[in-house]
Amino acid sequence: MNIQVSPSAIPNSNAVSLTSMLDRDDYLTGLLNQVIATKTEGWLQELRQSAANWVRHSILPTTREEEWRFTDLSSLRKVQFNVETVNFASLQFDILPEAANSRLVFVNGVYAPELSAVSDLPSGIVVSNLAGLSAVEQQAVQQYLAQAEGAQEVFTALNTAGITDAAVVWVRKNVVVETPIHLVFISVAGETATISQPRCLVVAESGSQVTLVEEYVAGKMPTPQERVYFTNAVTEIWVGDNAQVSHTRVEWEGAEAFHIGKTAIAQARDSRYTCHAITLGAKLSRHNLEVLQTGEQTETTLNGLTVISGKQLSDTHSAIALNYPHGTSDQLHKCIVGDRAHAVFNGKVFVPKLAQLTNASQLNRNLLLSSKARVDTKPQLEITADNVKCAHGATVSQLEDDEIFYLQSRGIDENDARKLLINAFAAEVINKIPVPSLREILLKTVNNLKSLTNE
């Protein structure tokens, strides 16, 4: 596999000179001290130490920064988080039948072999935690782990500084994997507020094909309680020449959770990457989705759906850097916002002069279900190439009275009419997910959210 990383416009927010003062942010230093791993020898320790140095020279983002002006992290600063281990035996979670024997499970960032199953996999694919890899495989991983563009962003660096293990999916050259790979990251809050830092590395070598489901959930305990916890997740995906990756990411954390996630993708020549990003949970969530084109004729499809209510805040920031000719990108992000919830979408597409004959489209559609619901949207194209086809747009609307009246005239009551219209809005994204059982679960979840149909 030959992937070369070239400079891009993807930002490294909060990156500062290493000549500046250490420990600029006491709260951030406290988080670092909680997650930092016991010192060991070798390449992983060097990686962690380098990231820790960046964290010590950084500060948590504030609303004074353009990239974070709608997402206030002051509520995060009020909580002191700790690292806690959990008894795996009492945990419950949904198993996808299509991936019943192709599943890795991590609990609070720790690999749970008792809950994992990887017996139904063809030859030519490695699905393992980092510690379970052979010496040869670990040496190969060194070329990719924490090497994606944007590694110095503060939350990404914090995750790297605390790496002890990771989910690794490696697909060999020309191997086609028909079975979906299910990566489950379960967060369980203890007696005190808990922080966990899941890490995932996916490498699809040239000519390979794989389908991934990456899921972030709150652990279902026998006596469930909503407690505060913080998930800081990073996923790196390397798509080789003529490889194809279909990636579904579902976030349905607990009601009091904080979730900050990074997905960084590098696409080589003639590769195809599709992402279905579904956001349902967490009190405050942020997903940074960054795609870097490293060769010609790539195809990138990003489908997103955010469904929030109550006082949830959900922020999606995406950046697509199309650095070579003949690239295609198509992005649709939809938000359904109820009660006093607040959705944020910022999507950037960079098309420099070298990226001639690029075809890029971006659309953000938002449905507000109450007068107190709020959305801030900013689709953004930055184009210097002169022979391209690019378009972007955003819409914000409410349920139309005449549509509800029409359904009522057919014998459907108002609440069911609203539910039908909401489900239809969400289904445009959910129905594109290639795993039938997950589609069904998500459609039922949206249908059963009572807070979306009652103003």
Protein backbone atom coordinates (compact mmCIF):
# COMPACT_ATOMS: atom_id res chain seq x y z
CA MET A 1 0.00 0.00 0.00
CA ASN A 2 1.49 3.33 -1.03
CA ILE A 3 -0.19 6.32 0.61
CA GLN A 4 1.58 9.64 0.71
CA VAL A 5 0.40 12.44 2.93
CA SER A 6 0.63 15.86 1.35
CA PRO A 7 0.05 19.24 3.00
CA SER A 8 -3.57 20.25 3.14
CA ALA A 9 -5.79 23.01 4.33
CA ILE A 10 -7.17 20.88 7.14
CA PRO A 11 -6.62 22.96 10.27
CA ASN A 12 -4.60 22.06 13.34
CA SER A 13 -6.59 24.09 15.82
CA ASN A 14 -4.79 25.14 18.99
CA ALA A 15 -1.41 24.16 17.60
CA VAL A 16 1.25 26.47 19.03
CA SER A 17 4.99 26.83 19.02
CA LEU A 18 6.82 24.37 21.24
CA THR A 19 8.95 27.26 22.44
CA SER A 20 5.98 28.68 24.36
CA MET A 21 5.25 28.10 28.03
CA LEU A 22 4.50 24.60 29.28
CA ASP A 23 1.16 23.76 30.92
CA ARG A 24 -0.69 26.76 29.51
CA ASP A 25 -4.06 25.37 30.59
CA ASP A 26 -4.30 23.88 34.09
CA TYR A 27 -7.54 22.05 33.34
CA LEU A 28 -6.10 20.49 30.17
CA THR A 29 -2.97 19.49 32.05
CA GLY A 30 -5.20 17.81 34.65
CA LEU A 31 -6.93 15.80 31.92
CA LEU A 32 -3.56 14.85 30.47
CA ASN A 33 -2.32 13.63 33.84
CA GLN A 34 -5.41 11.43 34.15
CA VAL A 35 -5.11 9.76 30.75
CA ILE A 36 -1.37 9.57 30.29
CA ALA A 37 -0.17 5.99 30.17
CA THR A 38 2.52 4.34 32.27
CA LYS A 39 5.89 4.89 30.62
CA THR A 40 7.19 2.06 28.48
CA GLU A 41 9.98 1.70 25.96
CA GLY A 42 9.65 1.80 22.19
CA TRP A 43 7.79 3.57 19.41
CA LEU A 44 4.45 3.85 21.20
CA GLN A 45 6.00 5.68 24.15
CA GLU A 46 7.72 8.12 21.76
CA LEU A 47 4.39 8.73 20.05
CA ARG A 48 2.64 9.37 23.37
CA GLN A 49 5.37 11.66 24.65
CA SER A 50 5.37 13.78 21.49
CA ALA A 51 1.58 14.19 21.70
CA ALA A 52 1.76 15.01 25.42
CA ASN A 53 4.21 17.80 24.65
CA TRP A 54 1.70 19.31 22.22
CA VAL A 55 -1.07 19.09 24.79
CA ARG A 56 1.06 20.85 27.39
CA HIS A 57 1.56 23.72 24.96
CA SER A 58 -2.13 23.94 24.02
CA ILE A 59 -5.33 25.29 25.55
CA LEU A 60 -8.91 24.09 25.34
CA PRO A 61 -10.84 25.86 22.57
CA THR A 62 -13.14 28.73 23.51
CA THR A 63 -16.01 30.48 21.76
CA ARG A 64 -13.58 33.27 20.84
CA GLU A 65 -12.15 30.93 18.18
CA GLU A 66 -13.97 30.81 14.86
CA GLU A 67 -13.99 26.99 14.73
CA TRP A 68 -15.64 26.79 18.16
CA ARG A 69 -17.73 29.95 18.39
CA PHE A 70 -21.05 28.09 18.66
CA THR A 71 -19.81 25.31 20.96
CA ASP A 72 -19.06 26.41 24.50
CA LEU A 73 -16.90 23.95 26.45
CA SER A 74 -17.25 25.79 29.76
CA SER A 75 -19.58 23.03 31.07
CA LEU A 76 -16.82 20.49 30.34
CA ARG A 77 -14.34 22.54 32.34
CA LYS A 78 -16.55 22.31 35.42
CA VAL A 79 -16.14 18.53 35.67
CA GLN A 80 -13.12 16.67 37.03
CA PHE A 81 -12.79 13.41 35.10
CA ASN A 82 -11.08 10.19 36.16
CA VAL A 83 -10.06 7.00 34.40
CA GLU A 84 -11.99 3.97 35.73
CA THR A 85 -12.07 0.31 34.85
CA VAL A 86 -15.36 -1.59 34.61
CA ASN A 87 -16.59 -5.13 35.16
CA PHE A 88 -17.38 -6.27 31.61
CA ALA A 89 -19.61 -9.17 32.66
CA SER A 90 -22.59 -6.98 33.62
CA LEU A 91 -22.67 -4.99 30.38
CA GLN A 92 -25.39 -5.32 27.76
CA PHE A 93 -25.35 -4.03 24.18
CA ASP A 94 -27.02 -4.67 20.84
CA ILE A 95 -25.37 -7.21 18.55
CA LEU A 96 -25.86 -6.74 14.81
CA PRO A 97 -26.72 -10.13 13.27
CA GLU A 98 -24.68 -9.34 10.15
CA ALA A 99 -21.59 -8.87 12.35
CA ALA A 100 -22.27 -11.43 15.08
CA ASN A 101 -18.81 -12.96 14.57
CA SER A 102 -16.91 -9.93 13.28
CA ARG A 103 -17.02 -7.63 16.27
CA LEU A 104 -14.50 -5.83 18.47
CA VAL A 105 -15.73 -4.34 21.76
CA PHE A 106 -13.94 -1.81 23.95
CA VAL A 107 -15.23 -0.63 27.33
CA ASN A 108 -13.97 2.75 28.51
CA GLY A 109 -11.22 2.39 25.92
CA VAL A 110 -10.13 -1.05 27.20
CA TYR A 111 -10.40 -4.10 24.94
CA ALA A 112 -13.09 -6.54 26.12
CA PRO A 113 -12.25 -10.00 24.66
CA GLU A 114 -15.22 -11.55 26.50
CA LEU A 115 -17.62 -9.38 24.47
CA SER A 116 -15.76 -9.54 21.15
CA ALA A 117 -16.03 -12.16 18.39
CA VAL A 118 -13.83 -12.31 15.29
CA SER A 119 -14.24 -15.92 14.12
CA ASP A 120 -16.17 -15.21 10.92
CA LEU A 121 -13.50 -13.44 8.91
CA PRO A 122 -11.82 -14.40 5.63
CA SER A 123 -8.08 -14.65 5.21
CA GLY A 124 -6.38 -11.40 4.29
CA ILE A 125 -7.96 -9.24 7.00
CA VAL A 126 -6.72 -8.47 10.50
CA VAL A 127 -9.28 -7.37 13.10
CA SER A 128 -7.64 -7.05 16.50
CA ASN A 129 -6.72 -4.77 19.32
CA LEU A 130 -3.28 -3.21 19.08
CA ALA A 131 -1.83 -5.34 21.87
CA GLY A 132 -2.97 -8.51 20.08
CA LEU A 133 -0.97 -7.84 16.91
CA SER A 134 2.20 -9.70 16.06
CA ALA A 135 5.54 -7.88 16.09
CA VAL A 136 5.49 -7.67 12.29
CA GLU A 137 1.96 -6.25 12.29
CA GLN A 138 2.82 -3.71 14.97
CA GLN A 139 5.76 -2.55 12.90
CA ALA A 140 3.43 -1.98 9.94
CA VAL A 141 0.97 -0.08 12.16
CA GLN A 142 3.71 2.40 13.11
CA GLN A 143 3.53 3.87 9.59
CA TYR A 144 -0.12 4.88 10.05
CA LEU A 145 -1.09 5.28 13.70
CA ALA A 146 -1.28 8.99 14.61
CA GLN A 147 0.14 9.95 11.21
CA ALA A 148 -3.03 11.48 9.74
CA GLU A 149 -3.22 15.17 8.96
CA GLY A 150 -4.47 17.22 11.92
CA ALA A 151 -2.76 15.10 14.59
CA GLN A 152 -1.82 18.21 16.58
CA GLU A 153 -5.40 19.34 17.18
CA VAL A 154 -5.75 19.48 20.96
CA PHE A 155 -8.29 16.68 21.53
CA THR A 156 -6.57 14.44 18.97
CA ALA A 157 -3.22 14.99 20.69
CA LEU A 158 -4.82 14.30 24.09
CA ASN A 159 -6.10 10.97 22.76
CA THR A 160 -2.69 10.07 21.32
CA ALA A 161 -0.95 10.99 24.58
CA GLY A 162 -3.07 8.39 26.37
CA ILE A 163 -2.94 5.53 23.85
CA THR A 164 -2.63 2.15 25.51
CA ASP A 165 -4.62 0.13 22.99
CA ALA A 166 -6.62 0.58 19.78
CA ALA A 167 -8.99 -1.20 17.44
CA VAL A 168 -7.10 -2.17 14.29
CA VAL A 169 -8.69 -3.23 11.01
CA TRP A 170 -6.22 -4.05 8.24
CA VAL A 171 -7.42 -5.33 4.86
CA ARG A 172 -4.78 -6.81 2.58
CA LYS A 173 -4.35 -6.02 -1.10
CA ASN A 174 -7.31 -6.99 -3.34
CA VAL A 175 -9.21 -8.64 -0.45
CA VAL A 176 -12.99 -8.08 -0.54
CA VAL A 177 -14.64 -8.44 2.87
CA GLU A 178 -18.36 -9.17 2.55
CA THR A 179 -19.05 -9.30 6.30
CA PRO A 180 -19.42 -5.92 8.05
CA ILE A 181 -16.88 -5.20 10.78
CA HIS A 182 -18.58 -3.88 13.93
CA LEU A 183 -16.47 -1.75 16.27
CA VAL A 184 -18.31 -1.07 19.54
CA PHE A 185 -17.01 1.51 22.01
CA ILE A 186 -18.98 1.38 25.25
CA SER A 187 -18.67 4.11 27.87
CA VAL A 188 -19.64 3.45 31.46
CA ALA A 189 -19.56 6.15 34.12
CA GLY A 190 -18.43 5.14 37.57
CA GLU A 191 -19.11 6.75 40.93
CA THR A 192 -17.20 9.77 39.66
CA ALA A 193 -17.13 11.37 36.21
CA THR A 194 -15.19 9.15 33.82
CA ILE A 195 -13.04 9.88 30.75
CA SER A 196 -12.27 7.30 28.07
CA GLN A 197 -10.32 7.67 24.82
CA PRO A 198 -11.21 5.09 22.16
CA ARG A 199 -8.79 4.81 19.25
CA CYS A 200 -9.33 3.14 15.89
CA LEU A 201 -7.03 2.55 12.92
CA VAL A 202 -8.30 1.26 9.57
CA VAL A 203 -5.98 0.47 6.66
CA ALA A 204 -7.49 -0.70 3.36
CA GLU A 205 -4.72 -1.69 0.97
CA SER A 206 -4.99 -1.21 -2.79
CA GLY A 207 -7.95 -2.92 -4.45
CA SER A 208 -9.57 -3.97 -1.18
CA GLN A 209 -13.16 -3.46 -0.02
CA VAL A 210 -14.57 -3.34 3.51
CA THR A 211 -17.70 -2.20 5.37
CA LEU A 212 -17.33 -0.77 8.88
CA VAL A 213 -19.81 0.10 11.61
CA GLU A 214 -18.30 2.26 14.36
CA GLU A 215 -20.62 2.68 17.32
CA TYR A 216 -20.36 4.76 20.49
CA VAL A 217 -22.89 3.83 23.15
CA ALA A 218 -23.57 4.20 26.84
CA GLY A 219 -23.26 0.94 28.72
CA LYS A 220 -26.58 -0.65 29.71
CA MET A 221 -26.16 -1.60 33.35
CA PRO A 222 -28.67 -3.63 35.44
CA THR A 223 -29.55 -0.43 37.36
CA PRO A 224 -29.13 2.32 34.77
CA GLN A 225 -28.35 5.83 35.93
CA GLU A 226 -27.51 8.87 33.87
CA ARG A 227 -24.04 9.95 34.93
CA VAL A 228 -21.52 12.35 33.51
CA TYR A 229 -18.70 10.95 31.38
CA PHE A 230 -16.46 12.14 28.54
CA THR A 231 -15.59 10.18 25.40
CA ASN A 232 -12.68 11.56 23.36
CA ALA A 233 -12.45 9.36 20.27
CA VAL A 234 -10.11 9.32 17.25
CA THR A 235 -10.42 7.18 14.12
CA GLU A 236 -7.90 7.17 11.27
CA ILE A 237 -8.79 5.57 7.95
CA TRP A 238 -6.28 5.03 5.14
CA VAL A 239 -7.86 4.10 1.79
CA GLY A 240 -5.34 2.75 -0.72
CA ASP A 241 -5.31 2.93 -4.52
CA ASN A 242 -8.62 1.69 -5.97
CA ALA A 243 -9.80 0.59 -2.52
CA GLN A 244 -13.34 1.04 -1.23
CA VAL A 245 -14.44 1.73 2.35
CA SER A 246 -18.05 2.07 3.47
CA HIS A 247 -18.09 3.54 6.98
CA THR A 248 -21.09 4.04 9.27
CA ARG A 249 -20.49 5.98 12.49
CA VAL A 250 -23.25 6.04 15.12
CA GLU A 251 -23.02 8.13 18.29
CA TRP A 252 -25.72 7.58 20.91
CA GLU A 253 -24.02 8.35 24.17
CA GLY A 254 -25.84 8.91 27.47
CA ALA A 255 -27.92 11.99 28.20
CA GLU A 256 -25.25 13.57 30.44
CA ALA A 257 -22.26 12.64 28.30
CA PHE A 258 -19.70 14.75 26.51
CA HIS A 259 -18.52 13.30 23.18
CA ILE A 260 -15.74 14.73 21.02
CA GLY A 261 -14.73 12.65 18.02
CA LYS A 262 -12.28 12.94 15.14
CA THR A 263 -12.48 10.94 11.92
CA ALA A 264 -9.48 11.49 9.62
CA ILE A 265 -9.47 9.88 6.18
CA ALA A 266 -6.66 9.76 3.59
CA GLN A 267 -7.78 8.72 0.10
CA ALA A 268 -5.26 7.50 -2.48
CA ARG A 269 -5.76 7.44 -6.26
CA ASP A 270 -9.05 5.98 -7.58
CA SER A 271 -10.28 5.19 -4.07
CA ARG A 272 -13.89 5.43 -2.87
CA TYR A 273 -14.92 6.37 0.64
CA THR A 274 -18.48 6.66 1.96
CA CYS A 275 -19.39 7.83 5.46
CA HIS A 276 -22.81 7.71 7.12
CA ALA A 277 -22.46 9.71 10.35
CA ILE A 278 -25.44 9.49 12.72
CA THR A 279 -25.58 11.61 15.88
CA LEU A 280 -28.31 10.96 18.44
CA GLY A 281 -26.87 11.17 21.94
CA ALA A 282 -24.75 13.16 24.41
CA LYS A 283 -25.46 16.43 26.14
CA LEU A 284 -22.65 18.01 24.11
CA SER A 285 -21.15 16.38 21.03
CA ARG A 286 -18.67 17.45 18.40
CA HIS A 287 -17.57 15.45 15.35
CA ASN A 288 -14.62 16.61 13.27
CA LEU A 289 -14.71 14.80 9.91
CA GLU A 290 -11.62 15.46 7.78
CA VAL A 291 -10.92 13.97 4.34
CA LEU A 292 -7.59 14.39 2.59
CA GLN A 293 -7.24 13.48 -1.08
CA THR A 294 -3.73 12.09 -1.78
CA GLY A 295 -4.25 11.07 -5.43
CA GLU A 296 -6.38 11.66 -8.51
CA GLN A 297 -9.91 10.48 -9.27
CA THR A 298 -11.14 9.86 -5.76
CA GLU A 299 -14.82 9.59 -4.85
CA THR A 300 -15.98 10.86 -1.47
CA THR A 301 -19.55 10.60 -0.19
CA LEU A 302 -20.49 12.03 3.20
CA ASN A 303 -24.01 11.52 4.54
CA GLY A 304 -24.85 12.88 7.97
CA LEU A 305 -27.90 12.92 10.23
CA THR A 306 -28.20 14.69 13.57
CA VAL A 307 -31.34 14.12 15.67
CA ILE A 308 -31.39 16.03 18.96
CA SER A 309 -33.87 17.41 21.47
CA GLY A 310 -34.03 18.69 25.05
CA LYS A 311 -31.00 20.94 25.62
CA GLN A 312 -28.57 18.91 23.54
CA LEU A 313 -25.85 20.62 21.54
CA SER A 314 -24.45 18.79 18.51
CA ASP A 315 -21.67 20.24 16.35
CA THR A 316 -20.44 18.73 13.07
CA HIS A 317 -17.36 20.21 11.41
CA SER A 318 -16.20 18.66 8.15
CA ALA A 319 -13.29 19.49 5.87
CA ILE A 320 -12.62 17.93 2.47
CA ALA A 321 -9.24 18.79 0.91
CA LEU A 322 -9.34 17.94 -2.80
CA ASN A 323 -5.70 18.37 -3.80
CA TYR A 324 -5.64 16.49 -7.14
CA PRO A 325 -7.61 16.54 -10.43
CA HIS A 326 -10.79 14.60 -11.22
CA GLY A 327 -11.95 14.30 -7.62
CA THR A 328 -15.63 13.94 -6.75
CA SER A 329 -17.25 14.73 -3.43
CA ASP A 330 -20.93 14.67 -2.49
CA GLN A 331 -22.07 15.72 0.97
CA LEU A 332 -25.55 15.74 2.49
CA HIS A 333 -25.97 16.62 6.16
CA LYS A 334 -29.43 16.79 7.76
CA CYS A 335 -30.40 17.99 11.22
CA ILE A 336 -33.65 17.42 13.11
CA VAL A 337 -33.76 19.75 16.10
CA GLY A 338 -36.46 19.72 18.77
CA ASP A 339 -37.18 21.48 22.08
CA ARG A 340 -34.32 23.86 23.01
CA ALA A 341 -31.61 21.87 21.26
CA HIS A 342 -28.88 23.49 19.19
CA ALA A 343 -27.29 22.01 16.05
CA VAL A 344 -24.16 23.34 14.38
CA PHE A 345 -22.88 22.46 10.91
CA ASN A 346 -19.73 23.82 9.31
CA GLY A 347 -18.61 22.12 6.13
CA LYS A 348 -15.52 23.17 4.20
CA VAL A 349 -14.46 21.98 0.76
CA PHE A 350 -11.02 23.11 -0.43
CA VAL A 351 -10.34 23.05 -4.18
CA PRO A 352 -6.85 24.46 -4.92
CA LYS A 353 -5.53 25.25 -8.38
CA LEU A 354 -4.08 21.77 -8.89
CA ALA A 355 -7.51 20.17 -8.42
CA GLN A 356 -8.87 20.85 -11.90
CA LEU A 357 -11.98 19.02 -13.13
CA THR A 358 -13.23 18.55 -9.58
CA ASN A 359 -16.95 17.94 -9.02
CA ALA A 360 -18.02 18.85 -5.48
CA SER A 361 -21.48 19.35 -3.99
CA GLN A 362 -22.55 20.09 -0.43
CA LEU A 363 -26.02 20.49 1.05
CA ASN A 364 -27.14 21.03 4.64
CA ARG A 365 -30.89 20.65 5.33
CA ASN A 366 -32.32 21.45 8.75
CA LEU A 367 -35.73 20.78 10.27
CA LEU A 368 -36.66 22.77 13.38
CA LEU A 369 -39.48 21.28 15.43
CA SER A 370 -40.02 24.04 17.98
CA SER A 371 -39.75 27.80 18.22
CA LYS A 372 -36.85 27.42 20.71
CA ALA A 373 -34.80 25.06 18.55
CA ARG A 374 -31.69 26.56 16.95
CA VAL A 375 -29.33 25.75 14.11
CA ASP A 376 -26.16 27.53 12.95
CA THR A 377 -25.04 26.41 9.52
CA LYS A 378 -22.12 27.42 7.32
CA PRO A 379 -21.47 25.39 4.16
CA GLN A 380 -18.24 26.68 2.70
CA LEU A 381 -16.39 26.27 -0.60
CA GLU A 382 -12.87 27.64 -1.07
CA ILE A 383 -12.01 27.35 -4.75
CA THR A 384 -8.95 28.58 -6.64
CA ALA A 385 -9.14 26.06 -9.51
CA ASP A 386 -10.91 27.47 -12.58
CA ASN A 387 -12.23 24.34 -14.31
CA VAL A 388 -14.49 22.77 -11.71
CA LYS A 389 -18.15 22.08 -11.00
CA CYS A 390 -18.98 22.97 -7.40
CA ALA A 391 -22.18 23.84 -5.54
CA HIS A 392 -23.25 24.26 -1.95
CA GLY A 393 -26.31 25.34 -0.01
CA ALA A 394 -28.29 25.21 3.21
CA THR A 395 -31.98 25.23 4.11
CA VAL A 396 -33.76 25.73 7.44
CA SER A 397 -37.45 24.91 7.68
CA GLN A 398 -40.25 23.71 9.94
CA LEU A 399 -42.98 21.15 9.35
CA GLU A 400 -45.43 22.61 6.87
CA ASP A 401 -48.98 23.10 8.15
CA ASP A 402 -50.47 22.17 4.78
CA GLU A 403 -48.56 18.86 4.74
CA ILE A 404 -49.84 18.02 8.22
CA PHE A 405 -53.38 19.07 7.22
CA TYR A 406 -53.22 16.87 4.10
CA LEU A 407 -52.30 13.82 6.17
CA GLN A 408 -55.01 14.64 8.71
CA SER A 409 -57.52 14.81 5.88
CA ARG A 410 -56.57 11.18 5.13
CA GLY A 411 -57.51 10.09 8.66
CA ILE A 412 -54.11 10.42 10.32
CA ASP A 413 -54.02 12.32 13.61
CA GLU A 414 -51.71 15.32 14.02
CA ASN A 415 -49.08 13.58 16.14
CA ASP A 416 -48.77 10.66 13.72
CA ALA A 417 -48.67 13.07 10.77
CA ARG A 418 -45.75 14.93 12.33
CA LYS A 419 -44.02 11.63 13.01
CA LEU A 420 -44.43 10.50 9.40
CA LEU A 421 -42.91 13.71 8.07
CA ILE A 422 -39.99 13.57 10.51
CA ASN A 423 -39.31 9.92 9.68
CA ALA A 424 -39.33 10.66 5.96
CA PHE A 425 -36.83 13.47 6.48
CA ALA A 426 -34.48 11.17 8.43
CA ALA A 427 -34.96 8.14 6.18
CA GLU A 428 -33.19 9.81 3.25
CA VAL A 429 -29.92 9.35 5.14
CA ILE A 430 -30.67 6.22 7.19
CA ASN A 431 -31.81 4.19 4.17
CA LYS A 432 -28.36 4.58 2.60
CA ILE A 433 -26.70 2.61 5.42
CA PRO A 434 -25.65 -0.79 3.98
CA VAL A 435 -26.40 -2.87 7.13
CA PRO A 436 -30.14 -3.76 7.23
CA SER A 437 -30.42 -4.46 10.97
CA LEU A 438 -28.78 -1.15 11.83
CA ARG A 439 -31.11 0.69 9.44
CA GLU A 440 -34.09 -0.86 11.19
CA ILE A 441 -32.78 0.04 14.67
CA LEU A 442 -32.14 3.65 13.69
CA LEU A 443 -35.52 4.10 11.98
CA LYS A 444 -37.28 2.73 15.08
CA THR A 445 -35.19 4.97 17.33
CA VAL A 446 -36.16 8.11 15.44
CA ASN A 447 -39.80 6.98 15.29
CA ASN A 448 -39.91 6.44 19.07
CA LEU A 449 -38.41 9.80 20.08
CA LYS A 450 -41.47 11.38 21.67
CA SER A 451 -39.69 14.66 22.28
CA LEU A 452 -39.56 15.23 18.51
CA THR A 453 -43.32 15.12 18.03
CA ASN A 454 -44.40 17.19 21.02
CA GLU A 455 -43.64 20.88 21.00
